[in-house]
Protein backbone atom coordinates (compact mmCIF):
# COMPACT_ATOMS: atom_id res chain seq x y z
CA UNK A 1 -8.32 95.42 -165.72
CA UNK A 2 -11.45 93.74 -163.45
CA UNK A 3 -10.52 90.43 -162.03
CA UNK A 4 -14.39 89.63 -161.78
CA UNK A 5 -16.60 87.60 -165.07
CA UNK A 6 -18.59 89.34 -166.84
CA UNK A 7 -21.74 87.65 -165.21
CA UNK A 8 -19.85 88.60 -162.11
CA UNK A 9 -19.67 92.12 -162.76
CA UNK A 10 -23.44 92.57 -163.48
CA UNK A 11 -24.94 90.55 -160.70
CA UNK A 12 -26.86 92.81 -159.34
CA UNK A 13 -27.58 95.56 -161.22
CA UNK A 14 -30.34 94.07 -162.92
CA UNK A 15 -34.14 93.36 -162.59
CA UNK A 16 -35.17 93.66 -158.85
CA UNK A 17 -37.83 91.72 -159.82
CA UNK A 18 -40.58 93.93 -159.34
CA UNK A 19 -41.27 95.36 -162.03
CA UNK A 20 -44.82 92.70 -162.88
CA UNK A 21 -46.23 93.76 -159.69
CA UNK A 22 -45.55 97.73 -160.48
CA UNK A 23 -47.15 97.09 -163.26
CA UNK A 24 -50.52 95.12 -162.15
CA UNK A 25 -50.50 98.64 -158.82
CA UNK A 26 -50.17 100.78 -161.60
CA UNK A 27 -53.39 99.69 -164.06
CA UNK A 28 -55.37 98.68 -160.85
CA UNK A 29 -54.98 101.83 -159.51
CA UNK A 30 -55.64 104.25 -163.09
CA UNK A 31 -58.17 102.16 -163.29
CA UNK A 32 -59.94 102.82 -159.44
CA UNK A 33 -59.37 106.37 -160.21
CA UNK A 34 -61.09 106.05 -163.27
CA UNK A 35 -64.03 104.71 -162.40
CA UNK A 36 -64.39 106.37 -159.50
CA UNK A 37 -64.46 109.55 -161.61
CA UNK A 38 -67.19 108.82 -163.74
CA UNK A 39 -68.74 107.66 -160.87
CA UNK A 40 -68.49 111.41 -159.84
CA UNK A 41 -68.97 113.14 -163.07
CA UNK A 42 -72.29 110.95 -163.24
CA UNK A 43 -73.17 112.18 -159.43
CA UNK A 44 -72.35 115.48 -159.97
CA UNK A 45 -74.52 115.12 -162.46
CA UNK A 46 -77.22 114.28 -160.67
CA UNK A 47 -77.49 116.83 -158.01
CA UNK A 48 -80.22 119.47 -158.80
CA UNK A 49 -77.80 122.12 -158.83
CA UNK A 50 -74.14 122.49 -157.98
CA UNK A 51 -73.98 125.02 -155.36
CA UNK A 52 -72.06 124.10 -152.07
CA UNK A 53 -75.17 123.48 -149.69
CA UNK A 54 -76.09 120.75 -152.37
CA UNK A 55 -72.91 119.81 -152.72
CA UNK A 56 -71.88 119.59 -149.12
CA UNK A 57 -75.59 117.84 -148.31
CA UNK A 58 -74.69 115.08 -151.06
CA UNK A 59 -71.31 115.08 -149.40
CA UNK A 60 -72.53 114.09 -145.76
CA UNK A 61 -74.31 110.64 -147.35
CA UNK A 62 -71.72 107.43 -146.25
CA UNK A 63 -72.54 106.71 -150.52
CA UNK A 64 -71.11 109.50 -152.09
CA UNK A 65 -68.35 110.22 -148.72
CA UNK A 66 -66.98 106.50 -148.82
CA UNK A 67 -66.37 106.99 -152.87
CA UNK A 68 -65.24 110.65 -152.54
CA UNK A 69 -62.56 109.54 -149.86
CA UNK A 70 -61.90 106.74 -152.30
CA UNK A 71 -60.87 108.63 -155.39
CA UNK A 72 -59.08 110.77 -153.13
CA UNK A 73 -56.71 107.95 -151.74
CA UNK A 74 -56.69 106.19 -155.78
CA UNK A 75 -55.96 110.10 -157.51
CA UNK A 76 -53.27 110.86 -155.24
CA UNK A 77 -51.58 107.61 -155.63
CA UNK A 78 -52.05 107.74 -159.25
CA UNK A 79 -50.22 111.22 -159.28
CA UNK A 80 -47.14 110.11 -156.80
CA UNK A 81 -46.82 106.88 -158.76
CA UNK A 82 -46.74 108.74 -162.29
CA UNK A 83 -44.58 111.69 -161.39
CA UNK A 84 -41.81 108.95 -159.98
CA UNK A 85 -41.61 107.13 -162.68
CA UNK A 86 -41.44 110.60 -164.85
CA UNK A 87 -38.28 111.60 -161.78
CA UNK A 88 -36.13 107.73 -161.79
CA UNK A 89 -37.20 108.02 -165.73
CA UNK A 90 -35.32 111.78 -165.91
CA UNK A 91 -33.60 112.36 -163.09
CA UNK A 92 -29.98 110.86 -163.31
CA UNK A 93 -27.82 112.53 -160.86
CA UNK A 94 -28.45 110.19 -157.61
CA UNK A 95 -28.77 113.00 -154.82
CA UNK A 96 -31.26 114.58 -156.52
CA UNK A 97 -33.20 111.77 -157.55
CA UNK A 98 -33.52 111.02 -154.12
CA UNK A 99 -34.03 114.44 -152.93
CA UNK A 100 -36.92 114.59 -156.06
CA UNK A 101 -38.93 111.18 -155.01
CA UNK A 102 -38.66 112.40 -151.65
CA UNK A 103 -40.38 115.55 -152.34
CA UNK A 104 -42.70 114.11 -154.88
CA UNK A 105 -43.99 111.64 -152.14
CA UNK A 106 -44.38 114.02 -149.18
CA UNK A 107 -46.36 116.20 -151.28
CA UNK A 108 -48.44 113.48 -152.88
CA UNK A 109 -49.01 111.77 -148.74
CA UNK A 110 -49.79 116.16 -147.43
CA UNK A 111 -52.45 117.26 -149.86
CA UNK A 112 -53.95 113.55 -149.90
CA UNK A 113 -54.25 114.30 -146.14
CA UNK A 114 -56.59 117.73 -146.79
CA UNK A 115 -58.46 116.82 -149.23
CA UNK A 116 -59.20 113.70 -146.82
CA UNK A 117 -59.47 115.54 -144.72
CA UNK A 118 -61.73 118.46 -146.17
CA UNK A 119 -64.61 115.92 -147.21
CA UNK A 120 -64.85 114.25 -143.42
CA UNK A 121 -64.92 118.19 -141.71
CA UNK A 122 -67.71 118.31 -144.33
CA UNK A 123 -68.82 114.60 -143.73
CA UNK A 124 -69.24 114.78 -140.15
CA UNK A 125 -69.29 118.69 -138.99
CA UNK A 126 -73.39 120.46 -138.74
CA UNK A 127 -76.17 119.95 -140.13
CA UNK A 128 -77.36 123.23 -142.09
CA UNK A 129 -75.79 125.64 -144.62
């Protein structure tokens, strides 16, 4: 039998007061991802062809490379946030939850870094094709 009051027993187990910030960040990242995906679709549709030479030439322009880099960051952050939300909701074992959170976070950062590297390599690579 506990000698603590019911209020003392639940103190510290409630909201971390991070919900509104997290909700706002999710919405901002979602809106940015959607806007950048629309930009990508419109940009690709305006190209004369979708072959390697045309797309790499297009990606060398700053007005294509910079939004593409922003899309990659927003897309992988959106992916990470969504997967972390699923883990937090459905992984009940604390050890597994921490492992899954670490794996998802590392995988998202690694995959995003690879995508950023690929765009930067194209953007700053030699001209020609």
